[in-house]
Amino acid sequence: MSNESDQSRRHAFPQRRRIPPQVFDGSILLAIDRLTVPYHITTCFPSELTEADFHAAAMRSCQLACMSADVVRGRTVPPSVARVASRSCISRLRTMGMLLDIHMDECGEVRHEMRRYPVVPILVNGMLVSPTRFEMCVRLGIGRTTYWSSLVFRLTGSRWLCVLADFG
């Protein structure tokens, strides 16, 4: 009797077919001394995006991370950033820039390094977490210091809009 009641309490779940994530590795060629920046992008689900789409996403993320670092360093927001980033994202970058400026007043060495050297991308790592959300991390070098930039893109209509850009 107890075996029958145990059997009736068990729930049968259909077996899911496990689909391995798609992985895209490649590199982006920079104009600076013909350097290459490796990228690694993974998907959490099967996607219809092509390898060329992922290469373009890595390249745009790299460019946006560098321009975001420049905004944080006190430069004006280029029109190309305003086209691909939300207003709140740009506002947060400007706020971060003001906070960094206060910090740099206390530490002249940081100011010298942040203002003098160019932003050089080192590595791009990303994940397509849903059909409408892409998360990217870009490792950047400014002088002797390494920083990470986190970017979150949301599919809005037919274009990817950066809704969060963090730098630190």
N, C-alpha and C. Protein backbone atom coordinates (compact mmCIF):
# COMPACT_ATOMS: atom_id res chain seq x y z
N MET A 1 0.82 -1.19 0.00
CA MET A 1 0.00 0.00 0.00
C MET A 1 0.87 1.25 0.00
N SER A 2 1.92 1.25 0.81
CA SER A 2 2.79 2.42 0.88
C SER A 2 3.55 2.62 -0.43
N ASN A 3 3.88 1.50 -1.12
CA ASN A 3 4.56 1.63 -2.41
C ASN A 3 3.68 2.32 -3.43
N GLU A 4 2.40 2.00 -3.43
CA GLU A 4 1.48 2.63 -4.37
C GLU A 4 1.35 4.12 -4.09
N SER A 5 1.26 4.51 -2.81
CA SER A 5 1.11 5.92 -2.48
C SER A 5 2.41 6.68 -2.80
N ASP A 6 3.58 6.02 -2.61
CA ASP A 6 4.85 6.66 -2.97
C ASP A 6 4.92 6.87 -4.48
N GLN A 7 4.47 5.88 -5.24
CA GLN A 7 4.48 5.97 -6.70
C GLN A 7 3.56 7.09 -7.18
N SER A 8 2.41 7.25 -6.54
CA SER A 8 1.45 8.26 -6.99
C SER A 8 1.93 9.67 -6.66
N ARG A 9 2.78 9.82 -5.65
CA ARG A 9 3.30 11.13 -5.28
C ARG A 9 4.43 11.60 -6.18
N ARG A 10 5.06 10.70 -6.84
CA ARG A 10 6.17 11.08 -7.71
C ARG A 10 5.63 11.78 -8.95
N HIS A 11 6.33 12.80 -9.36
CA HIS A 11 5.95 13.53 -10.56
C HIS A 11 6.89 13.15 -11.68
N ALA A 12 6.33 12.92 -12.79
CA ALA A 12 7.15 12.58 -13.95
C ALA A 12 7.41 13.86 -14.74
N PHE A 13 8.68 14.22 -14.90
CA PHE A 13 9.07 15.38 -15.68
C PHE A 13 9.61 14.91 -17.01
N PRO A 14 9.23 15.57 -18.07
CA PRO A 14 9.76 15.16 -19.37
C PRO A 14 11.27 15.42 -19.43
N GLN A 15 11.95 14.57 -20.11
CA GLN A 15 13.40 14.73 -20.26
C GLN A 15 13.68 15.88 -21.21
N ARG A 16 14.51 16.81 -20.78
CA ARG A 16 14.92 17.90 -21.66
C ARG A 16 16.16 17.50 -22.42
N ARG A 17 16.19 17.89 -23.64
CA ARG A 17 17.39 17.65 -24.44
C ARG A 17 18.39 18.77 -24.13
N ARG A 18 19.53 18.40 -23.67
CA ARG A 18 20.55 19.39 -23.32
C ARG A 18 21.25 19.86 -24.58
N ILE A 19 21.20 21.17 -24.78
CA ILE A 19 21.87 21.77 -25.93
C ILE A 19 23.06 22.54 -25.40
N PRO A 20 24.24 22.22 -25.86
CA PRO A 20 25.42 22.92 -25.34
C PRO A 20 25.41 24.39 -25.77
N PRO A 21 25.98 25.23 -24.95
CA PRO A 21 26.03 26.65 -25.32
C PRO A 21 26.93 26.86 -26.53
N GLN A 22 26.62 27.91 -27.28
CA GLN A 22 27.46 28.26 -28.41
C GLN A 22 28.61 29.10 -27.86
N VAL A 23 29.79 28.89 -28.39
CA VAL A 23 30.97 29.64 -27.96
C VAL A 23 31.62 30.25 -29.20
N PHE A 24 31.92 31.53 -29.10
CA PHE A 24 32.55 32.24 -30.20
C PHE A 24 33.84 32.88 -29.70
N ASP A 25 34.94 32.47 -30.28
CA ASP A 25 36.24 33.04 -29.96
C ASP A 25 36.80 33.70 -31.21
N GLY A 26 37.46 34.79 -31.02
CA GLY A 26 38.08 35.49 -32.14
C GLY A 26 38.94 36.62 -31.64
N SER A 27 39.29 37.50 -32.53
CA SER A 27 40.09 38.67 -32.13
C SER A 27 39.71 39.86 -32.99
N ILE A 28 39.93 41.02 -32.41
CA ILE A 28 39.66 42.29 -33.06
C ILE A 28 41.00 42.94 -33.35
N LEU A 29 41.18 43.41 -34.56
CA LEU A 29 42.42 44.07 -34.95
C LEU A 29 42.31 45.55 -34.63
N LEU A 30 43.26 46.06 -33.84
CA LEU A 30 43.28 47.48 -33.49
C LEU A 30 44.18 48.25 -34.45
N ALA A 31 43.90 49.52 -34.58
CA ALA A 31 44.75 50.37 -35.42
C ALA A 31 46.06 50.69 -34.70
N ILE A 32 46.07 50.53 -33.39
CA ILE A 32 47.27 50.83 -32.59
C ILE A 32 48.29 49.72 -32.77
N ASP A 33 49.34 49.99 -33.47
CA ASP A 33 50.45 49.03 -33.65
C ASP A 33 50.00 47.65 -34.11
N ARG A 34 48.84 47.60 -34.78
CA ARG A 34 48.30 46.34 -35.29
C ARG A 34 48.13 45.29 -34.19
N LEU A 35 47.78 45.73 -33.01
CA LEU A 35 47.52 44.83 -31.89
C LEU A 35 46.19 44.12 -32.10
N THR A 36 46.05 42.95 -31.51
CA THR A 36 44.78 42.24 -31.54
C THR A 36 44.23 42.10 -30.13
N VAL A 37 42.92 42.17 -30.03
CA VAL A 37 42.23 42.00 -28.76
C VAL A 37 41.40 40.73 -28.86
N PRO A 38 41.72 39.71 -28.06
CA PRO A 38 40.93 38.48 -28.12
C PRO A 38 39.56 38.67 -27.49
N TYR A 39 38.58 37.92 -28.01
CA TYR A 39 37.26 37.94 -27.39
C TYR A 39 36.75 36.51 -27.24
N HIS A 40 35.88 36.34 -26.25
CA HIS A 40 35.26 35.05 -25.95
C HIS A 40 33.81 35.36 -25.59
N ILE A 41 32.88 34.86 -26.38
CA ILE A 41 31.46 35.11 -26.14
C ILE A 41 30.73 33.77 -26.10
N THR A 42 29.87 33.62 -25.10
CA THR A 42 29.10 32.40 -24.90
C THR A 42 27.61 32.74 -24.90
N THR A 43 26.80 31.80 -25.31
CA THR A 43 25.35 31.99 -25.24
C THR A 43 24.78 31.05 -24.18
N CYS A 44 23.69 31.46 -23.59
CA CYS A 44 23.00 30.62 -22.60
C CYS A 44 21.90 29.79 -23.21
N PHE A 45 21.66 29.97 -24.49
CA PHE A 45 20.58 29.28 -25.18
C PHE A 45 20.91 29.28 -26.67
N PRO A 46 20.28 28.45 -27.43
CA PRO A 46 20.54 28.47 -28.87
C PRO A 46 20.13 29.82 -29.48
N SER A 47 21.00 30.39 -30.27
CA SER A 47 20.74 31.70 -30.84
C SER A 47 20.86 31.65 -32.36
N GLU A 48 20.11 32.50 -33.02
CA GLU A 48 20.18 32.59 -34.47
C GLU A 48 21.24 33.58 -34.93
N LEU A 49 21.91 34.25 -33.99
CA LEU A 49 22.97 35.19 -34.36
C LEU A 49 24.14 34.43 -34.98
N THR A 50 24.79 35.04 -35.93
CA THR A 50 25.90 34.39 -36.62
C THR A 50 27.23 34.77 -35.97
N GLU A 51 28.26 34.10 -36.41
CA GLU A 51 29.60 34.41 -35.92
C GLU A 51 29.97 35.86 -36.23
N ALA A 52 29.55 36.34 -37.40
CA ALA A 52 29.80 37.75 -37.76
C ALA A 52 29.06 38.70 -36.81
N ASP A 53 27.86 38.33 -36.36
CA ASP A 53 27.12 39.15 -35.41
C ASP A 53 27.87 39.25 -34.08
N PHE A 54 28.42 38.12 -33.63
CA PHE A 54 29.15 38.12 -32.37
C PHE A 54 30.47 38.89 -32.50
N HIS A 55 31.12 38.80 -33.63
CA HIS A 55 32.34 39.58 -33.86
C HIS A 55 32.02 41.07 -33.82
N ALA A 56 30.93 41.47 -34.47
CA ALA A 56 30.51 42.87 -34.47
C ALA A 56 30.16 43.33 -33.05
N ALA A 57 29.51 42.47 -32.28
CA ALA A 57 29.16 42.82 -30.89
C ALA A 57 30.41 43.02 -30.05
N ALA A 58 31.41 42.17 -30.25
CA ALA A 58 32.66 42.32 -29.51
C ALA A 58 33.36 43.62 -29.90
N MET A 59 33.35 43.95 -31.18
CA MET A 59 33.99 45.16 -31.65
C MET A 59 33.28 46.40 -31.12
N ARG A 60 31.96 46.42 -31.18
CA ARG A 60 31.20 47.57 -30.67
C ARG A 60 31.37 47.72 -29.16
N SER A 61 31.41 46.60 -28.45
CA SER A 61 31.60 46.65 -27.01
C SER A 61 32.97 47.22 -26.66
N CYS A 62 33.95 46.81 -27.41
CA CYS A 62 35.31 47.31 -27.22
C CYS A 62 35.35 48.82 -27.44
N GLN A 63 34.76 49.28 -28.52
CA GLN A 63 34.73 50.71 -28.82
C GLN A 63 33.97 51.49 -27.75
N LEU A 64 32.81 50.97 -27.35
CA LEU A 64 31.99 51.66 -26.36
C LEU A 64 32.69 51.70 -25.00
N ALA A 65 33.37 50.65 -24.63
CA ALA A 65 34.10 50.62 -23.36
C ALA A 65 35.19 51.69 -23.36
N CYS A 66 35.91 51.81 -24.46
CA CYS A 66 36.97 52.82 -24.55
C CYS A 66 36.39 54.23 -24.50
N MET A 67 35.30 54.46 -25.22
CA MET A 67 34.67 55.79 -25.21
C MET A 67 34.06 56.09 -23.84
N SER A 68 33.53 55.06 -23.17
CA SER A 68 32.98 55.25 -21.82
C SER A 68 34.08 55.64 -20.85
N ALA A 69 35.23 55.01 -20.99
CA ALA A 69 36.38 55.36 -20.14
C ALA A 69 36.77 56.82 -20.37
N ASP A 70 36.72 57.26 -21.61
CA ASP A 70 37.03 58.66 -21.91
C ASP A 70 36.01 59.61 -21.29
N VAL A 71 34.73 59.23 -21.29
CA VAL A 71 33.71 60.06 -20.66
C VAL A 71 33.97 60.15 -19.17
N VAL A 72 34.31 59.02 -18.55
CA VAL A 72 34.61 59.01 -17.12
C VAL A 72 35.85 59.87 -16.83
N ARG A 73 36.78 59.91 -17.78
CA ARG A 73 37.99 60.71 -17.60
C ARG A 73 37.75 62.20 -17.85
N GLY A 74 36.51 62.58 -18.15
CA GLY A 74 36.18 63.99 -18.25
C GLY A 74 35.97 64.52 -19.65
N ARG A 75 36.05 63.67 -20.63
CA ARG A 75 35.83 64.15 -22.00
C ARG A 75 34.34 64.21 -22.30
N THR A 76 33.99 64.95 -23.34
CA THR A 76 32.57 65.07 -23.70
C THR A 76 32.06 63.76 -24.29
N VAL A 77 30.76 63.59 -24.23
CA VAL A 77 30.14 62.38 -24.75
C VAL A 77 30.07 62.49 -26.27
N PRO A 78 30.76 61.59 -26.98
CA PRO A 78 30.70 61.65 -28.45
C PRO A 78 29.30 61.29 -28.96
N PRO A 79 28.90 61.83 -30.11
CA PRO A 79 27.58 61.50 -30.66
C PRO A 79 27.39 59.99 -30.88
N SER A 80 28.48 59.28 -31.18
CA SER A 80 28.36 57.83 -31.40
C SER A 80 27.95 57.10 -30.12
N VAL A 81 28.36 57.61 -28.96
CA VAL A 81 27.95 57.01 -27.69
C VAL A 81 26.49 57.36 -27.42
N ALA A 82 26.12 58.59 -27.68
CA ALA A 82 24.73 59.02 -27.45
C ALA A 82 23.75 58.22 -28.29
N ARG A 83 24.18 57.71 -29.44
CA ARG A 83 23.29 56.93 -30.31
C ARG A 83 23.09 55.50 -29.80
N VAL A 84 24.08 54.95 -29.09
CA VAL A 84 23.99 53.53 -28.70
C VAL A 84 23.82 53.32 -27.21
N ALA A 85 23.77 54.41 -26.42
CA ALA A 85 23.62 54.28 -24.97
C ALA A 85 22.38 55.05 -24.51
N SER A 86 21.74 54.51 -23.50
CA SER A 86 20.55 55.17 -22.95
C SER A 86 20.95 56.43 -22.21
N ARG A 87 19.98 57.32 -22.00
CA ARG A 87 20.26 58.57 -21.28
C ARG A 87 20.73 58.29 -19.86
N SER A 88 20.09 57.32 -19.21
CA SER A 88 20.49 57.01 -17.82
C SER A 88 21.91 56.46 -17.78
N CYS A 89 22.30 55.69 -18.79
CA CYS A 89 23.65 55.15 -18.86
C CYS A 89 24.67 56.29 -18.98
N ILE A 90 24.40 57.24 -19.84
CA ILE A 90 25.31 58.38 -20.02
C ILE A 90 25.35 59.23 -18.76
N SER A 91 24.21 59.42 -18.14
CA SER A 91 24.15 60.20 -16.90
C SER A 91 25.01 59.56 -15.81
N ARG A 92 24.94 58.24 -15.70
CA ARG A 92 25.75 57.54 -14.69
C ARG A 92 27.24 57.65 -14.99
N LEU A 93 27.60 57.60 -16.27
CA LEU A 93 29.01 57.76 -16.64
C LEU A 93 29.51 59.15 -16.24
N ARG A 94 28.70 60.17 -16.50
CA ARG A 94 29.10 61.53 -16.12
C ARG A 94 29.24 61.66 -14.60
N THR A 95 28.30 61.07 -13.87
CA THR A 95 28.38 61.11 -12.41
C THR A 95 29.65 60.41 -11.93
N MET A 96 29.95 59.27 -12.51
CA MET A 96 31.17 58.56 -12.14
C MET A 96 32.40 59.42 -12.44
N GLY A 97 32.35 60.15 -13.56
CA GLY A 97 33.45 61.04 -13.91
C GLY A 97 33.64 62.14 -12.88
N MET A 98 32.54 62.70 -12.38
CA MET A 98 32.64 63.73 -11.34
C MET A 98 33.24 63.16 -10.06
N LEU A 99 32.81 61.95 -9.69
CA LEU A 99 33.37 61.32 -8.49
C LEU A 99 34.86 61.02 -8.67
N LEU A 100 35.22 60.56 -9.85
CA LEU A 100 36.63 60.29 -10.12
C LEU A 100 37.45 61.57 -10.08
N ASP A 101 36.88 62.66 -10.56
CA ASP A 101 37.58 63.94 -10.55
C ASP A 101 37.87 64.37 -9.11
N ILE A 102 36.91 64.16 -8.22
CA ILE A 102 37.13 64.48 -6.79
C ILE A 102 38.25 63.62 -6.23
N HIS A 103 38.24 62.33 -6.58
CA HIS A 103 39.30 61.42 -6.11
C HIS A 103 40.66 61.84 -6.66
N MET A 104 40.68 62.25 -7.93
CA MET A 104 41.96 62.63 -8.55
C MET A 104 42.51 63.92 -7.96
N ASP A 105 41.65 64.78 -7.38
CA ASP A 105 42.14 65.98 -6.70
C ASP A 105 42.99 65.59 -5.50
N GLU A 106 42.67 64.47 -4.88
CA GLU A 106 43.41 63.99 -3.72
C GLU A 106 44.67 63.24 -4.10
N CYS A 107 44.71 62.68 -5.30
CA CYS A 107 45.84 61.85 -5.71
C CYS A 107 46.32 62.30 -7.10
N GLY A 108 47.34 63.14 -7.12
CA GLY A 108 47.84 63.71 -8.37
C GLY A 108 48.40 62.68 -9.33
N GLU A 109 48.97 61.59 -8.81
CA GLU A 109 49.55 60.55 -9.68
C GLU A 109 48.47 59.87 -10.51
N VAL A 110 47.33 59.61 -9.88
CA VAL A 110 46.21 58.99 -10.60
C VAL A 110 45.73 59.94 -11.70
N ARG A 111 45.63 61.22 -11.40
CA ARG A 111 45.19 62.21 -12.38
C ARG A 111 46.14 62.21 -13.58
N HIS A 112 47.43 62.21 -13.32
CA HIS A 112 48.42 62.25 -14.40
C HIS A 112 48.27 61.03 -15.31
N GLU A 113 48.14 59.84 -14.71
CA GLU A 113 48.03 58.62 -15.50
C GLU A 113 46.71 58.57 -16.27
N MET A 114 45.62 58.94 -15.61
CA MET A 114 44.30 58.88 -16.25
C MET A 114 44.17 59.87 -17.40
N ARG A 115 44.78 61.02 -17.27
CA ARG A 115 44.64 62.06 -18.29
C ARG A 115 45.64 61.91 -19.44
N ARG A 116 46.79 61.35 -19.17
CA ARG A 116 47.87 61.35 -20.15
C ARG A 116 47.82 60.21 -21.15
N TYR A 117 47.54 59.00 -20.66
CA TYR A 117 47.67 57.81 -21.51
C TYR A 117 46.37 57.46 -22.22
N PRO A 118 46.49 56.83 -23.36
CA PRO A 118 45.27 56.39 -24.08
C PRO A 118 44.65 55.16 -23.43
N VAL A 119 43.40 54.92 -23.75
CA VAL A 119 42.71 53.71 -23.30
C VAL A 119 43.01 52.62 -24.33
N VAL A 120 43.54 51.49 -23.86
CA VAL A 120 43.90 50.39 -24.75
C VAL A 120 43.13 49.14 -24.32
N PRO A 121 42.26 48.62 -25.18
CA PRO A 121 41.54 47.39 -24.83
C PRO A 121 42.49 46.20 -24.82
N ILE A 122 42.24 45.27 -23.90
CA ILE A 122 43.11 44.11 -23.74
C ILE A 122 42.35 42.81 -24.00
N LEU A 123 41.10 42.74 -23.57
CA LEU A 123 40.34 41.49 -23.64
C LEU A 123 38.84 41.82 -23.61
N VAL A 124 38.05 41.04 -24.35
CA VAL A 124 36.60 41.17 -24.32
C VAL A 124 36.00 39.81 -23.98
N ASN A 125 35.10 39.80 -23.01
CA ASN A 125 34.44 38.57 -22.60
C ASN A 125 32.95 38.87 -22.48
N GLY A 126 32.11 38.05 -23.10
CA GLY A 126 30.69 38.36 -23.08
C GLY A 126 29.80 37.15 -23.02
N MET A 127 28.53 37.43 -22.75
CA MET A 127 27.53 36.37 -22.69
C MET A 127 26.19 36.90 -23.15
N LEU A 128 25.58 36.17 -24.05
CA LEU A 128 24.21 36.44 -24.47
C LEU A 128 23.33 35.68 -23.48
N VAL A 129 22.73 36.41 -22.54
CA VAL A 129 22.01 35.76 -21.44
C VAL A 129 20.54 35.52 -21.75
N SER A 130 20.01 36.24 -22.73
CA SER A 130 18.63 36.01 -23.17
C SER A 130 18.54 36.55 -24.59
N PRO A 131 17.43 36.30 -25.27
CA PRO A 131 17.31 36.83 -26.64
C PRO A 131 17.36 38.35 -26.71
N THR A 132 17.15 39.01 -25.56
CA THR A 132 17.13 40.47 -25.57
C THR A 132 18.17 41.11 -24.65
N ARG A 133 19.10 40.33 -24.11
CA ARG A 133 20.09 40.87 -23.17
C ARG A 133 21.48 40.29 -23.43
N PHE A 134 22.44 41.18 -23.57
CA PHE A 134 23.83 40.85 -23.84
C PHE A 134 24.67 41.50 -22.76
N GLU A 135 25.55 40.77 -22.10
CA GLU A 135 26.43 41.34 -21.09
C GLU A 135 27.87 41.15 -21.52
N MET A 136 28.64 42.23 -21.47
CA MET A 136 30.03 42.20 -21.92
C MET A 136 30.93 42.81 -20.85
N CYS A 137 32.12 42.25 -20.71
CA CYS A 137 33.17 42.82 -19.87
C CYS A 137 34.38 43.06 -20.76
N VAL A 138 34.94 44.24 -20.64
CA VAL A 138 36.10 44.60 -21.44
C VAL A 138 37.22 45.01 -20.49
N ARG A 139 38.36 44.35 -20.62
CA ARG A 139 39.53 44.71 -19.83
C ARG A 139 40.28 45.80 -20.58
N LEU A 140 40.56 46.89 -19.87
CA LEU A 140 41.21 48.05 -20.47
C LEU A 140 42.49 48.40 -19.74
N GLY A 141 43.44 48.93 -20.46
CA GLY A 141 44.66 49.42 -19.86
C GLY A 141 44.77 50.92 -20.07
N ILE A 142 45.09 51.64 -19.00
CA ILE A 142 45.38 53.07 -19.07
C ILE A 142 46.69 53.26 -18.33
N GLY A 143 47.73 53.52 -19.09
CA GLY A 143 49.06 53.58 -18.47
C GLY A 143 49.44 52.22 -17.93
N ARG A 144 49.85 52.18 -16.66
CA ARG A 144 50.26 50.92 -16.04
C ARG A 144 49.12 50.23 -15.31
N THR A 145 47.93 50.83 -15.33
CA THR A 145 46.80 50.32 -14.56
C THR A 145 45.80 49.62 -15.47
N THR A 146 45.26 48.51 -14.97
CA THR A 146 44.23 47.75 -15.68
C THR A 146 42.87 48.03 -15.04
N TYR A 147 41.88 48.26 -15.88
CA TYR A 147 40.51 48.50 -15.44
C TYR A 147 39.59 47.51 -16.15
N TRP A 148 38.39 47.35 -15.59
CA TRP A 148 37.35 46.53 -16.22
C TRP A 148 36.15 47.41 -16.51
N SER A 149 35.58 47.22 -17.65
CA SER A 149 34.36 47.92 -18.02
C SER A 149 33.27 46.87 -18.22
N SER A 150 32.15 47.05 -17.55
CA SER A 150 31.01 46.14 -17.71
C SER A 150 29.93 46.86 -18.51
N LEU A 151 29.43 46.19 -19.52
CA LEU A 151 28.41 46.77 -20.39
C LEU A 151 27.22 45.82 -20.46
N VAL A 152 26.03 46.37 -20.40
CA VAL A 152 24.81 45.58 -20.56
C VAL A 152 24.02 46.18 -21.72
N PHE A 153 23.69 45.35 -22.69
CA PHE A 153 22.93 45.78 -23.85
C PHE A 153 21.56 45.12 -23.82
N ARG A 154 20.54 45.89 -24.22
CA ARG A 154 19.19 45.35 -24.31
C ARG A 154 18.70 45.58 -25.74
N LEU A 155 18.09 44.56 -26.29
CA LEU A 155 17.54 44.68 -27.64
C LEU A 155 16.28 45.53 -27.57
N THR A 156 16.34 46.67 -28.24
CA THR A 156 15.22 47.61 -28.26
C THR A 156 14.82 47.80 -29.70
N GLY A 157 13.68 47.24 -30.07
CA GLY A 157 13.28 47.26 -31.47
C GLY A 157 14.22 46.35 -32.26
N SER A 158 14.97 46.94 -33.16
CA SER A 158 15.91 46.13 -33.96
C SER A 158 17.37 46.46 -33.65
N ARG A 159 17.62 47.23 -32.58
CA ARG A 159 19.01 47.58 -32.27
C ARG A 159 19.32 47.30 -30.80
N TRP A 160 20.61 47.10 -30.56
CA TRP A 160 21.09 46.84 -29.21
C TRP A 160 21.44 48.19 -28.57
N LEU A 161 20.81 48.49 -27.42
CA LEU A 161 21.02 49.73 -26.71
C LEU A 161 21.76 49.43 -25.41
N CYS A 162 22.84 50.17 -25.15
CA CYS A 162 23.59 49.99 -23.90
C CYS A 162 22.80 50.65 -22.78
N VAL A 163 22.39 49.86 -21.79
CA VAL A 163 21.59 50.38 -20.69
C VAL A 163 22.41 50.53 -19.42
N LEU A 164 23.62 49.95 -19.42
CA LEU A 164 24.50 50.08 -18.26
C LEU A 164 25.94 50.01 -18.73
N ALA A 165 26.72 50.97 -18.29
CA ALA A 165 28.16 50.95 -18.54
C ALA A 165 28.83 51.30 -17.23
N ASP A 166 29.65 50.40 -16.74
CA ASP A 166 30.36 50.61 -15.49
C ASP A 166 31.84 50.52 -15.76
N PHE A 167 32.60 51.23 -14.99
CA PHE A 167 34.04 51.32 -15.23
C PHE A 167 34.75 51.34 -13.90
N GLY A 168 35.72 50.48 -13.71
CA GLY A 168 36.45 50.50 -12.44
C GLY A 168 37.59 49.55 -12.40
